[in-house]
mmCIF file of all heavy atoms, coordinates in Angstrom:
data_MODEL
# 
_entry.id   MODEL 
# 
loop_
_atom_site.group_PDB 
_atom_site.id 
_atom_site.type_symbol 
_atom_site.label_atom_id 
_atom_site.label_alt_id 
_atom_site.label_comp_id 
_atom_site.label_asym_id 
_atom_site.label_entity_id 
_atom_site.label_seq_id 
_atom_site.pdbx_PDB_ins_code 
_atom_site.Cartn_x 
_atom_site.Cartn_y 
_atom_site.Cartn_z 
_atom_site.occupancy 
_atom_site.B_iso_or_equiv 
_atom_site.pdbx_formal_charge 
_atom_site.auth_seq_id 
_atom_site.auth_comp_id 
_atom_site.auth_asym_id 
_atom_site.auth_atom_id 
_atom_site.pdbx_PDB_model_num 
ATOM 1   N N   . ASP A 1 1  ? -9.812  1.716   -3.623  1.00 0.00 ? 1  ASP A N   1 
ATOM 2   C CA  . ASP A 1 1  ? -9.355  2.779   -2.727  1.00 0.00 ? 1  ASP A CA  1 
ATOM 3   C C   . ASP A 1 1  ? -8.467  2.276   -1.593  1.00 0.00 ? 1  ASP A C   1 
ATOM 4   O O   . ASP A 1 1  ? -7.766  3.061   -0.970  1.00 0.00 ? 1  ASP A O   1 
ATOM 5   C CB  . ASP A 1 1  ? -10.538 3.563   -2.169  1.00 0.00 ? 1  ASP A CB  1 
ATOM 6   C CG  . ASP A 1 1  ? -11.498 2.705   -1.365  1.00 0.00 ? 1  ASP A CG  1 
ATOM 7   O OD1 . ASP A 1 1  ? -11.394 1.470   -1.429  1.00 0.00 ? 1  ASP A OD1 1 
ATOM 8   O OD2 . ASP A 1 1  ? -12.353 3.279   -0.671  1.00 0.00 ? 1  ASP A OD2 1 
ATOM 9   N N   . GLU A 1 2  ? -8.457  0.981   -1.312  1.00 0.00 ? 2  GLU A N   1 
ATOM 10  C CA  . GLU A 1 2  ? -7.587  0.490   -0.243  1.00 0.00 ? 2  GLU A CA  1 
ATOM 11  C C   . GLU A 1 2  ? -6.236  0.004   -0.758  1.00 0.00 ? 2  GLU A C   1 
ATOM 12  O O   . GLU A 1 2  ? -5.315  -0.196  0.021   1.00 0.00 ? 2  GLU A O   1 
ATOM 13  C CB  . GLU A 1 2  ? -8.276  -0.614  0.562   1.00 0.00 ? 2  GLU A CB  1 
ATOM 14  C CG  . GLU A 1 2  ? -8.537  -1.880  -0.189  1.00 0.00 ? 2  GLU A CG  1 
ATOM 15  C CD  . GLU A 1 2  ? -9.221  -2.934  0.659   1.00 0.00 ? 2  GLU A CD  1 
ATOM 16  O OE1 . GLU A 1 2  ? -8.922  -3.050  1.859   1.00 0.00 ? 2  GLU A OE1 1 
ATOM 17  O OE2 . GLU A 1 2  ? -10.065 -3.646  0.103   1.00 0.00 ? 2  GLU A OE2 1 
ATOM 18  N N   . ILE A 1 3  ? -6.097  -0.167  -2.050  1.00 0.00 ? 3  ILE A N   1 
ATOM 19  C CA  . ILE A 1 3  ? -4.841  -0.673  -2.608  1.00 0.00 ? 3  ILE A CA  1 
ATOM 20  C C   . ILE A 1 3  ? -3.784  0.423   -2.671  1.00 0.00 ? 3  ILE A C   1 
ATOM 21  O O   . ILE A 1 3  ? -2.627  0.202   -2.361  1.00 0.00 ? 3  ILE A O   1 
ATOM 22  C CB  . ILE A 1 3  ? -5.065  -1.283  -4.008  1.00 0.00 ? 3  ILE A CB  1 
ATOM 23  C CG1 . ILE A 1 3  ? -5.991  -2.490  -3.916  1.00 0.00 ? 3  ILE A CG1 1 
ATOM 24  C CG2 . ILE A 1 3  ? -3.749  -1.674  -4.648  1.00 0.00 ? 3  ILE A CG2 1 
ATOM 25  C CD1 . ILE A 1 3  ? -6.421  -3.047  -5.255  1.00 0.00 ? 3  ILE A CD1 1 
ATOM 26  N N   . VAL A 1 4  ? -4.201  1.607   -3.083  1.00 0.00 ? 4  VAL A N   1 
ATOM 27  C CA  . VAL A 1 4  ? -3.253  2.708   -3.281  1.00 0.00 ? 4  VAL A CA  1 
ATOM 28  C C   . VAL A 1 4  ? -3.111  3.501   -1.992  1.00 0.00 ? 4  VAL A C   1 
ATOM 29  O O   . VAL A 1 4  ? -4.101  3.784   -1.315  1.00 0.00 ? 4  VAL A O   1 
ATOM 30  C CB  . VAL A 1 4  ? -3.735  3.636   -4.417  1.00 0.00 ? 4  VAL A CB  1 
ATOM 31  C CG1 . VAL A 1 4  ? -2.751  4.763   -4.665  1.00 0.00 ? 4  VAL A CG1 1 
ATOM 32  C CG2 . VAL A 1 4  ? -3.945  2.842   -5.688  1.00 0.00 ? 4  VAL A CG2 1 
ATOM 33  N N   . ASP A 1 5  ? -1.883  3.862   -1.660  1.00 0.00 ? 5  ASP A N   1 
ATOM 34  C CA  . ASP A 1 5  ? -1.614  4.684   -0.478  1.00 0.00 ? 5  ASP A CA  1 
ATOM 35  C C   . ASP A 1 5  ? -2.368  6.005   -0.617  1.00 0.00 ? 5  ASP A C   1 
ATOM 36  O O   . ASP A 1 5  ? -2.212  6.714   -1.614  1.00 0.00 ? 5  ASP A O   1 
ATOM 37  C CB  . ASP A 1 5  ? -0.110  4.929   -0.351  1.00 0.00 ? 5  ASP A CB  1 
ATOM 38  C CG  . ASP A 1 5  ? 0.265   5.678   0.909   1.00 0.00 ? 5  ASP A CG  1 
ATOM 39  O OD1 . ASP A 1 5  ? -0.629  6.013   1.716   1.00 0.00 ? 5  ASP A OD1 1 
ATOM 40  O OD2 . ASP A 1 5  ? 1.467   5.935   1.098   1.00 0.00 ? 5  ASP A OD2 1 
ATOM 41  N N   . GLU A 1 6  ? -3.188  6.323   0.368   1.00 0.00 ? 6  GLU A N   1 
ATOM 42  C CA  . GLU A 1 6  ? -4.043  7.514   0.315   1.00 0.00 ? 6  GLU A CA  1 
ATOM 43  C C   . GLU A 1 6  ? -3.257  8.811   0.162   1.00 0.00 ? 6  GLU A C   1 
ATOM 44  O O   . GLU A 1 6  ? -3.692  9.730   -0.518  1.00 0.00 ? 6  GLU A O   1 
ATOM 45  C CB  . GLU A 1 6  ? -4.902  7.603   1.575   1.00 0.00 ? 6  GLU A CB  1 
ATOM 46  C CG  . GLU A 1 6  ? -5.861  6.456   1.732   1.00 0.00 ? 6  GLU A CG  1 
ATOM 47  C CD  . GLU A 1 6  ? -6.509  6.427   3.103   1.00 0.00 ? 6  GLU A CD  1 
ATOM 48  O OE1 . GLU A 1 6  ? -6.279  7.339   3.909   1.00 0.00 ? 6  GLU A OE1 1 
ATOM 49  O OE2 . GLU A 1 6  ? -7.245  5.457   3.359   1.00 0.00 ? 6  GLU A OE2 1 
ATOM 50  N N   . THR A 1 7  ? -2.109  8.898   0.789   1.00 0.00 ? 7  THR A N   1 
ATOM 51  C CA  . THR A 1 7  ? -1.360  10.147  0.777   1.00 0.00 ? 7  THR A CA  1 
ATOM 52  C C   . THR A 1 7  ? -0.671  10.405  -0.560  1.00 0.00 ? 7  THR A C   1 
ATOM 53  O O   . THR A 1 7  ? -0.507  11.549  -0.958  1.00 0.00 ? 7  THR A O   1 
ATOM 54  C CB  . THR A 1 7  ? -0.301  10.168  1.897   1.00 0.00 ? 7  THR A CB  1 
ATOM 55  O OG1 . THR A 1 7  ? 0.585   9.052   1.706   1.00 0.00 ? 7  THR A OG1 1 
ATOM 56  C CG2 . THR A 1 7  ? -0.952  10.081  3.254   1.00 0.00 ? 7  THR A CG2 1 
ATOM 57  N N   . LYS A 1 8  ? -0.292  9.357   -1.263  1.00 0.00 ? 8  LYS A N   1 
ATOM 58  C CA  . LYS A 1 8  ? 0.458   9.523   -2.500  1.00 0.00 ? 8  LYS A CA  1 
ATOM 59  C C   . LYS A 1 8  ? -0.408  9.419   -3.747  1.00 0.00 ? 8  LYS A C   1 
ATOM 60  O O   . LYS A 1 8  ? -0.126  10.067  -4.753  1.00 0.00 ? 8  LYS A O   1 
ATOM 61  C CB  . LYS A 1 8  ? 1.578   8.478   -2.576  1.00 0.00 ? 8  LYS A CB  1 
ATOM 62  C CG  . LYS A 1 8  ? 2.577   8.615   -1.449  1.00 0.00 ? 8  LYS A CG  1 
ATOM 63  C CD  . LYS A 1 8  ? 3.603   7.518   -1.507  1.00 0.00 ? 8  LYS A CD  1 
ATOM 64  C CE  . LYS A 1 8  ? 4.516   7.630   -0.291  1.00 0.00 ? 8  LYS A CE  1 
ATOM 65  N NZ  . LYS A 1 8  ? 5.296   6.446   -0.086  1.00 0.00 ? 8  LYS A NZ  1 
ATOM 66  N N   . GLY A 1 9  ? -1.403  8.561   -3.719  1.00 0.00 ? 9  GLY A N   1 
ATOM 67  C CA  . GLY A 1 9  ? -2.237  8.370   -4.889  1.00 0.00 ? 9  GLY A CA  1 
ATOM 68  C C   . GLY A 1 9  ? -1.607  7.498   -5.960  1.00 0.00 ? 9  GLY A C   1 
ATOM 69  O O   . GLY A 1 9  ? -2.195  7.261   -7.001  1.00 0.00 ? 9  GLY A O   1 
ATOM 70  N N   . MET A 1 10 ? -0.399  7.033   -5.705  1.00 0.00 ? 10 MET A N   1 
ATOM 71  C CA  . MET A 1 10 ? 0.321   6.205   -6.676  1.00 0.00 ? 10 MET A CA  1 
ATOM 72  C C   . MET A 1 10 ? 0.748   4.910   -5.999  1.00 0.00 ? 10 MET A C   1 
ATOM 73  O O   . MET A 1 10 ? 1.000   4.871   -4.800  1.00 0.00 ? 10 MET A O   1 
ATOM 74  C CB  . MET A 1 10 ? 1.566   6.934   -7.209  1.00 0.00 ? 10 MET A CB  1 
ATOM 75  C CG  . MET A 1 10 ? 1.271   8.239   -7.908  1.00 0.00 ? 10 MET A CG  1 
ATOM 76  S SD  . MET A 1 10 ? 0.313   8.064   -9.407  1.00 0.00 ? 10 MET A SD  1 
ATOM 77  C CE  . MET A 1 10 ? 1.570   7.573   -10.552 1.00 0.00 ? 10 MET A CE  1 
ATOM 78  N N   . LEU A 1 11 ? 0.830   3.847   -6.785  1.00 0.00 ? 11 LEU A N   1 
ATOM 79  C CA  . LEU A 1 11 ? 1.340   2.577   -6.285  1.00 0.00 ? 11 LEU A CA  1 
ATOM 80  C C   . LEU A 1 11 ? 2.852   2.669   -6.114  1.00 0.00 ? 11 LEU A C   1 
ATOM 81  O O   . LEU A 1 11 ? 3.522   3.365   -6.874  1.00 0.00 ? 11 LEU A O   1 
ATOM 82  C CB  . LEU A 1 11 ? 1.010   1.453   -7.272  1.00 0.00 ? 11 LEU A CB  1 
ATOM 83  C CG  . LEU A 1 11 ? -0.469  1.145   -7.465  1.00 0.00 ? 11 LEU A CG  1 
ATOM 84  C CD1 . LEU A 1 11 ? -0.668  0.251   -8.677  1.00 0.00 ? 11 LEU A CD1 1 
ATOM 85  C CD2 . LEU A 1 11 ? -1.032  0.488   -6.224  1.00 0.00 ? 11 LEU A CD2 1 
ATOM 86  N N   . SER A 1 12 ? 3.370   1.966   -5.150  1.00 0.00 ? 12 SER A N   1 
ATOM 87  C CA  . SER A 1 12 ? 4.815   1.922   -4.956  1.00 0.00 ? 12 SER A CA  1 
ATOM 88  C C   . SER A 1 12 ? 5.435   1.158   -6.116  1.00 0.00 ? 12 SER A C   1 
ATOM 89  O O   . SER A 1 12 ? 4.950   0.094   -6.506  1.00 0.00 ? 12 SER A O   1 
ATOM 90  C CB  . SER A 1 12 ? 5.153   1.222   -3.640  1.00 0.00 ? 12 SER A CB  1 
ATOM 91  O OG  . SER A 1 12 ? 6.541   1.003   -3.559  1.00 0.00 ? 12 SER A OG  1 
ATOM 92  N N   . LEU A 1 13 ? 6.505   1.683   -6.654  1.00 0.00 ? 13 LEU A N   1 
ATOM 93  C CA  . LEU A 1 13 ? 7.209   0.986   -7.726  1.00 0.00 ? 13 LEU A CA  1 
ATOM 94  C C   . LEU A 1 13 ? 8.232   0.007   -7.158  1.00 0.00 ? 13 LEU A C   1 
ATOM 95  O O   . LEU A 1 13 ? 8.768   -0.816  -7.891  1.00 0.00 ? 13 LEU A O   1 
ATOM 96  C CB  . LEU A 1 13 ? 7.892   1.994   -8.657  1.00 0.00 ? 13 LEU A CB  1 
ATOM 97  C CG  . LEU A 1 13 ? 6.962   2.988   -9.358  1.00 0.00 ? 13 LEU A CG  1 
ATOM 98  C CD1 . LEU A 1 13 ? 7.759   3.928   -10.245 1.00 0.00 ? 13 LEU A CD1 1 
ATOM 99  C CD2 . LEU A 1 13 ? 5.878   2.283   -10.148 1.00 0.00 ? 13 LEU A CD2 1 
ATOM 100 N N   . ASP A 1 14 ? 8.485   0.089   -5.849  1.00 0.00 ? 14 ASP A N   1 
ATOM 101 C CA  . ASP A 1 14 ? 9.511   -0.748  -5.214  1.00 0.00 ? 14 ASP A CA  1 
ATOM 102 C C   . ASP A 1 14 ? 8.989   -2.098  -4.728  1.00 0.00 ? 14 ASP A C   1 
ATOM 103 O O   . ASP A 1 14 ? 9.718   -3.078  -4.729  1.00 0.00 ? 14 ASP A O   1 
ATOM 104 C CB  . ASP A 1 14 ? 10.137  0.003   -4.031  1.00 0.00 ? 14 ASP A CB  1 
ATOM 105 C CG  . ASP A 1 14 ? 10.811  1.279   -4.464  1.00 0.00 ? 14 ASP A CG  1 
ATOM 106 O OD1 . ASP A 1 14 ? 11.368  1.302   -5.580  1.00 0.00 ? 14 ASP A OD1 1 
ATOM 107 O OD2 . ASP A 1 14 ? 10.774  2.262   -3.706  1.00 0.00 ? 14 ASP A OD2 1 
ATOM 108 N N   . ILE A 1 15 ? 7.742   -2.140  -4.270  1.00 0.00 ? 15 ILE A N   1 
ATOM 109 C CA  . ILE A 1 15 ? 7.182   -3.395  -3.748  1.00 0.00 ? 15 ILE A CA  1 
ATOM 110 C C   . ILE A 1 15 ? 5.797   -3.605  -4.340  1.00 0.00 ? 15 ILE A C   1 
ATOM 111 O O   . ILE A 1 15 ? 5.127   -2.656  -4.747  1.00 0.00 ? 15 ILE A O   1 
ATOM 112 C CB  . ILE A 1 15 ? 7.113   -3.406  -2.200  1.00 0.00 ? 15 ILE A CB  1 
ATOM 113 C CG1 . ILE A 1 15 ? 6.296   -2.229  -1.664  1.00 0.00 ? 15 ILE A CG1 1 
ATOM 114 C CG2 . ILE A 1 15 ? 8.498   -3.429  -1.593  1.00 0.00 ? 15 ILE A CG2 1 
ATOM 115 C CD1 . ILE A 1 15 ? 6.098   -2.253  -0.170  1.00 0.00 ? 15 ILE A CD1 1 
ATOM 116 N N   . ASP A 1 16 ? 5.362   -4.871  -4.354  1.00 0.00 ? 16 ASP A N   1 
ATOM 117 C CA  . ASP A 1 16 ? 4.064   -5.168  -4.962  1.00 0.00 ? 16 ASP A CA  1 
ATOM 118 C C   . ASP A 1 16 ? 2.931   -4.606  -4.100  1.00 0.00 ? 16 ASP A C   1 
ATOM 119 O O   . ASP A 1 16 ? 3.090   -4.387  -2.902  1.00 0.00 ? 16 ASP A O   1 
ATOM 120 C CB  . ASP A 1 16 ? 3.909   -6.675  -5.209  1.00 0.00 ? 16 ASP A CB  1 
ATOM 121 C CG  . ASP A 1 16 ? 3.747   -7.470  -3.942  1.00 0.00 ? 16 ASP A CG  1 
ATOM 122 O OD1 . ASP A 1 16 ? 2.614   -7.527  -3.428  1.00 0.00 ? 16 ASP A OD1 1 
ATOM 123 O OD2 . ASP A 1 16 ? 4.741   -8.051  -3.477  1.00 0.00 ? 16 ASP A OD2 1 
ATOM 124 N N   . PRO A 1 17 ? 1.773   -4.346  -4.709  1.00 0.00 ? 17 PRO A N   1 
ATOM 125 C CA  . PRO A 1 17 ? 0.668   -3.702  -3.996  1.00 0.00 ? 17 PRO A CA  1 
ATOM 126 C C   . PRO A 1 17 ? 0.151   -4.472  -2.785  1.00 0.00 ? 17 PRO A C   1 
ATOM 127 O O   . PRO A 1 17 ? -0.258  -3.871  -1.796  1.00 0.00 ? 17 PRO A O   1 
ATOM 128 C CB  . PRO A 1 17 ? -0.428  -3.574  -5.058  1.00 0.00 ? 17 PRO A CB  1 
ATOM 129 C CG  . PRO A 1 17 ? 0.274   -3.660  -6.352  1.00 0.00 ? 17 PRO A CG  1 
ATOM 130 C CD  . PRO A 1 17 ? 1.484   -4.497  -6.134  1.00 0.00 ? 17 PRO A CD  1 
ATOM 131 N N   . LYS A 1 18 ? 0.174   -5.792  -2.841  1.00 0.00 ? 18 LYS A N   1 
ATOM 132 C CA  . LYS A 1 18 ? -0.326  -6.580  -1.714  1.00 0.00 ? 18 LYS A CA  1 
ATOM 133 C C   . LYS A 1 18 ? 0.597   -6.435  -0.508  1.00 0.00 ? 18 LYS A C   1 
ATOM 134 O O   . LYS A 1 18 ? 0.130   -6.260  0.623   1.00 0.00 ? 18 LYS A O   1 
ATOM 135 C CB  . LYS A 1 18 ? -0.444  -8.046  -2.118  1.00 0.00 ? 18 LYS A CB  1 
ATOM 136 C CG  . LYS A 1 18 ? -1.174  -8.912  -1.116  1.00 0.00 ? 18 LYS A CG  1 
ATOM 137 C CD  . LYS A 1 18 ? -1.315  -10.313 -1.692  1.00 0.00 ? 18 LYS A CD  1 
ATOM 138 C CE  . LYS A 1 18 ? -2.128  -11.213 -0.827  1.00 0.00 ? 18 LYS A CE  1 
ATOM 139 N NZ  . LYS A 1 18 ? -2.210  -12.575 -1.364  1.00 0.00 ? 18 LYS A NZ  1 
ATOM 140 N N   . LEU A 1 19 ? 1.900   -6.485  -0.730  1.00 0.00 ? 19 LEU A N   1 
ATOM 141 C CA  . LEU A 1 19 ? 2.855   -6.292  0.352   1.00 0.00 ? 19 LEU A CA  1 
ATOM 142 C C   . LEU A 1 19 ? 2.761   -4.869  0.892   1.00 0.00 ? 19 LEU A C   1 
ATOM 143 O O   . LEU A 1 19 ? 2.788   -4.657  2.109   1.00 0.00 ? 19 LEU A O   1 
ATOM 144 C CB  . LEU A 1 19 ? 4.283   -6.601  -0.117  1.00 0.00 ? 19 LEU A CB  1 
ATOM 145 C CG  . LEU A 1 19 ? 5.392   -6.390  0.893   1.00 0.00 ? 19 LEU A CG  1 
ATOM 146 C CD1 . LEU A 1 19 ? 5.177   -7.243  2.140   1.00 0.00 ? 19 LEU A CD1 1 
ATOM 147 C CD2 . LEU A 1 19 ? 6.744   -6.698  0.263   1.00 0.00 ? 19 LEU A CD2 1 
ATOM 148 N N   . ALA A 1 20 ? 2.619   -3.891  0.004   1.00 0.00 ? 20 ALA A N   1 
ATOM 149 C CA  . ALA A 1 20 ? 2.485   -2.496  0.447   1.00 0.00 ? 20 ALA A CA  1 
ATOM 150 C C   . ALA A 1 20 ? 1.241   -2.334  1.313   1.00 0.00 ? 20 ALA A C   1 
ATOM 151 O O   . ALA A 1 20 ? 1.276   -1.660  2.347   1.00 0.00 ? 20 ALA A O   1 
ATOM 152 C CB  . ALA A 1 20 ? 2.419   -1.567  -0.763  1.00 0.00 ? 20 ALA A CB  1 
ATOM 153 N N   . TRP A 1 21 ? 0.131   -2.968  0.926   1.00 0.00 ? 21 TRP A N   1 
ATOM 154 C CA  . TRP A 1 21 ? -1.084  -2.901  1.735   1.00 0.00 ? 21 TRP A CA  1 
ATOM 155 C C   . TRP A 1 21 ? -0.851  -3.522  3.109   1.00 0.00 ? 21 TRP A C   1 
ATOM 156 O O   . TRP A 1 21 ? -1.238  -2.964  4.132   1.00 0.00 ? 21 TRP A O   1 
ATOM 157 C CB  . TRP A 1 21 ? -2.245  -3.620  1.022   1.00 0.00 ? 21 TRP A CB  1 
ATOM 158 C CG  . TRP A 1 21 ? -3.488  -3.582  1.833   1.00 0.00 ? 21 TRP A CG  1 
ATOM 159 C CD1 . TRP A 1 21 ? -4.447  -2.617  1.818   1.00 0.00 ? 21 TRP A CD1 1 
ATOM 160 C CD2 . TRP A 1 21 ? -3.886  -4.523  2.832   1.00 0.00 ? 21 TRP A CD2 1 
ATOM 161 N NE1 . TRP A 1 21 ? -5.430  -2.910  2.742   1.00 0.00 ? 21 TRP A NE1 1 
ATOM 162 C CE2 . TRP A 1 21 ? -5.107  -4.085  3.377   1.00 0.00 ? 21 TRP A CE2 1 
ATOM 163 C CE3 . TRP A 1 21 ? -3.337  -5.703  3.322   1.00 0.00 ? 21 TRP A CE3 1 
ATOM 164 C CZ2 . TRP A 1 21 ? -5.781  -4.769  4.374   1.00 0.00 ? 21 TRP A CZ2 1 
ATOM 165 C CZ3 . TRP A 1 21 ? -4.010  -6.397  4.318   1.00 0.00 ? 21 TRP A CZ3 1 
ATOM 166 C CH2 . TRP A 1 21 ? -5.217  -5.927  4.827   1.00 0.00 ? 21 TRP A CH2 1 
ATOM 167 N N   . ALA A 1 22 ? -0.218  -4.688  3.135   1.00 0.00 ? 22 ALA A N   1 
ATOM 168 C CA  . ALA A 1 22 ? 0.028   -5.381  4.402   1.00 0.00 ? 22 ALA A CA  1 
ATOM 169 C C   . ALA A 1 22 ? 0.917   -4.558  5.325   1.00 0.00 ? 22 ALA A C   1 
ATOM 170 O O   . ALA A 1 22 ? 0.686   -4.511  6.538   1.00 0.00 ? 22 ALA A O   1 
ATOM 171 C CB  . ALA A 1 22 ? 0.650   -6.745  4.142   1.00 0.00 ? 22 ALA A CB  1 
ATOM 172 N N   . LEU A 1 23 ? 1.905   -3.890  4.767   1.00 0.00 ? 23 LEU A N   1 
ATOM 173 C CA  . LEU A 1 23 ? 2.791   -3.055  5.594   1.00 0.00 ? 23 LEU A CA  1 
ATOM 174 C C   . LEU A 1 23 ? 2.056   -1.838  6.144   1.00 0.00 ? 23 LEU A C   1 
ATOM 175 O O   . LEU A 1 23 ? 2.358   -1.379  7.246   1.00 0.00 ? 23 LEU A O   1 
ATOM 176 C CB  . LEU A 1 23 ? 4.021   -2.633  4.785   1.00 0.00 ? 23 LEU A CB  1 
ATOM 177 C CG  . LEU A 1 23 ? 4.984   -3.767  4.426   1.00 0.00 ? 23 LEU A CG  1 
ATOM 178 C CD1 . LEU A 1 23 ? 6.081   -3.274  3.487   1.00 0.00 ? 23 LEU A CD1 1 
ATOM 179 C CD2 . LEU A 1 23 ? 5.571   -4.405  5.676   1.00 0.00 ? 23 LEU A CD2 1 
ATOM 180 N N   . ARG A 1 24 ? 1.085   -1.310  5.403   1.00 0.00 ? 24 ARG A N   1 
ATOM 181 C CA  . ARG A 1 24 ? 0.284   -0.184  5.899   1.00 0.00 ? 24 ARG A CA  1 
ATOM 182 C C   . ARG A 1 24 ? -0.737  -0.625  6.939   1.00 0.00 ? 24 ARG A C   1 
ATOM 183 O O   . ARG A 1 24 ? -1.261  0.193   7.688   1.00 0.00 ? 24 ARG A O   1 
ATOM 184 C CB  . ARG A 1 24 ? -0.447  0.516   4.744   1.00 0.00 ? 24 ARG A CB  1 
ATOM 185 C CG  . ARG A 1 24 ? 0.426   1.368   3.867   1.00 0.00 ? 24 ARG A CG  1 
ATOM 186 C CD  . ARG A 1 24 ? -0.389  2.280   2.952   1.00 0.00 ? 24 ARG A CD  1 
ATOM 187 N NE  . ARG A 1 24 ? -1.465  1.631   2.229   1.00 0.00 ? 24 ARG A NE  1 
ATOM 188 C CZ  . ARG A 1 24 ? -1.344  1.032   1.044   1.00 0.00 ? 24 ARG A CZ  1 
ATOM 189 N NH1 . ARG A 1 24 ? -0.172  0.979   0.451   1.00 0.00 ? 24 ARG A NH1 1 
ATOM 190 N NH2 . ARG A 1 24 ? -2.392  0.488   0.460   1.00 0.00 ? 24 ARG A NH2 1 
ATOM 191 N N   . HIS A 1 25 ? -1.044  -1.927  6.991   1.00 0.00 ? 25 HIS A N   1 
ATOM 192 C CA  . HIS A 1 25 ? -2.058  -2.450  7.913   1.00 0.00 ? 25 HIS A CA  1 
ATOM 193 C C   . HIS A 1 25 ? -1.463  -3.500  8.844   1.00 0.00 ? 25 HIS A C   1 
ATOM 194 O O   . HIS A 1 25 ? -2.025  -4.576  9.032   1.00 0.00 ? 25 HIS A O   1 
ATOM 195 C CB  . HIS A 1 25 ? -3.239  -3.036  7.117   1.00 0.00 ? 25 HIS A CB  1 
ATOM 196 C CG  . HIS A 1 25 ? -3.963  -2.015  6.327   1.00 0.00 ? 25 HIS A CG  1 
ATOM 197 N ND1 . HIS A 1 25 ? -3.618  -1.684  5.044   1.00 0.00 ? 25 HIS A ND1 1 
ATOM 198 C CD2 . HIS A 1 25 ? -5.013  -1.222  6.657   1.00 0.00 ? 25 HIS A CD2 1 
ATOM 199 C CE1 . HIS A 1 25 ? -4.420  -0.739  4.613   1.00 0.00 ? 25 HIS A CE1 1 
ATOM 200 N NE2 . HIS A 1 25 ? -5.276  -0.434  5.571   1.00 0.00 ? 25 HIS A NE2 1 
ATOM 201 N N   . ARG A 1 26 ? -0.367  -3.160  9.455   1.00 0.00 ? 26 ARG A N   1 
ATOM 202 C CA  . ARG A 1 26 ? 0.317   -4.105  10.352  1.00 0.00 ? 26 ARG A CA  1 
ATOM 203 C C   . ARG A 1 26 ? -0.536  -4.487  11.553  1.00 0.00 ? 26 ARG A C   1 
ATOM 204 O O   . ARG A 1 26 ? -0.324  -5.531  12.160  1.00 0.00 ? 26 ARG A O   1 
ATOM 205 C CB  . ARG A 1 26 ? 1.645   -3.510  10.821  1.00 0.00 ? 26 ARG A CB  1 
ATOM 206 C CG  . ARG A 1 26 ? 2.634   -3.384  9.690   1.00 0.00 ? 26 ARG A CG  1 
ATOM 207 C CD  . ARG A 1 26 ? 3.922   -2.766  10.157  1.00 0.00 ? 26 ARG A CD  1 
ATOM 208 N NE  . ARG A 1 26 ? 4.712   -2.416  8.995   1.00 0.00 ? 26 ARG A NE  1 
ATOM 209 C CZ  . ARG A 1 26 ? 6.012   -2.361  8.996   1.00 0.00 ? 26 ARG A CZ  1 
ATOM 210 N NH1 . ARG A 1 26 ? 6.675   -2.623  10.091  1.00 0.00 ? 26 ARG A NH1 1 
ATOM 211 N NH2 . ARG A 1 26 ? 6.650   -2.033  7.913   1.00 0.00 ? 26 ARG A NH2 1 
ATOM 212 N N   . ASP A 1 27 ? -1.505  -3.659  11.877  1.00 0.00 ? 27 ASP A N   1 
ATOM 213 C CA  . ASP A 1 27 ? -2.374  -3.963  13.016  1.00 0.00 ? 27 ASP A CA  1 
ATOM 214 C C   . ASP A 1 27 ? -3.240  -5.197  12.768  1.00 0.00 ? 27 ASP A C   1 
ATOM 215 O O   . ASP A 1 27 ? -3.764  -5.784  13.701  1.00 0.00 ? 27 ASP A O   1 
ATOM 216 C CB  . ASP A 1 27 ? -3.274  -2.752  13.311  1.00 0.00 ? 27 ASP A CB  1 
ATOM 217 C CG  . ASP A 1 27 ? -4.104  -2.334  12.106  1.00 0.00 ? 27 ASP A CG  1 
ATOM 218 O OD1 . ASP A 1 27 ? -3.507  -2.188  11.012  1.00 0.00 ? 27 ASP A OD1 1 
ATOM 219 O OD2 . ASP A 1 27 ? -5.323  -2.153  12.249  1.00 0.00 ? 27 ASP A OD2 1 
ATOM 220 N N   . ARG A 1 28 ? -3.374  -5.637  11.526  1.00 0.00 ? 28 ARG A N   1 
ATOM 221 C CA  . ARG A 1 28 ? -4.194  -6.811  11.198  1.00 0.00 ? 28 ARG A CA  1 
ATOM 222 C C   . ARG A 1 28 ? -3.401  -8.113  11.238  1.00 0.00 ? 28 ARG A C   1 
ATOM 223 O O   . ARG A 1 28 ? -3.962  -9.180  11.010  1.00 0.00 ? 28 ARG A O   1 
ATOM 224 C CB  . ARG A 1 28 ? -4.805  -6.630  9.812   1.00 0.00 ? 28 ARG A CB  1 
ATOM 225 C CG  . ARG A 1 28 ? -5.760  -5.439  9.787   1.00 0.00 ? 28 ARG A CG  1 
ATOM 226 C CD  . ARG A 1 28 ? -6.450  -5.288  8.495   1.00 0.00 ? 28 ARG A CD  1 
ATOM 227 N NE  . ARG A 1 28 ? -7.297  -6.445  8.212   1.00 0.00 ? 28 ARG A NE  1 
ATOM 228 C CZ  . ARG A 1 28 ? -8.184  -6.454  7.231   1.00 0.00 ? 28 ARG A CZ  1 
ATOM 229 N NH1 . ARG A 1 28 ? -8.343  -5.402  6.480   1.00 0.00 ? 28 ARG A NH1 1 
ATOM 230 N NH2 . ARG A 1 28 ? -8.901  -7.533  7.002   1.00 0.00 ? 28 ARG A NH2 1 
# 
């Protein structure tokens, strides 16, 4: 549940999931 963007429900096809997660959690 933390890998996929909650609002879209789909993985980004443009960037890998780990980078997408990191960009959504810049506060960390």
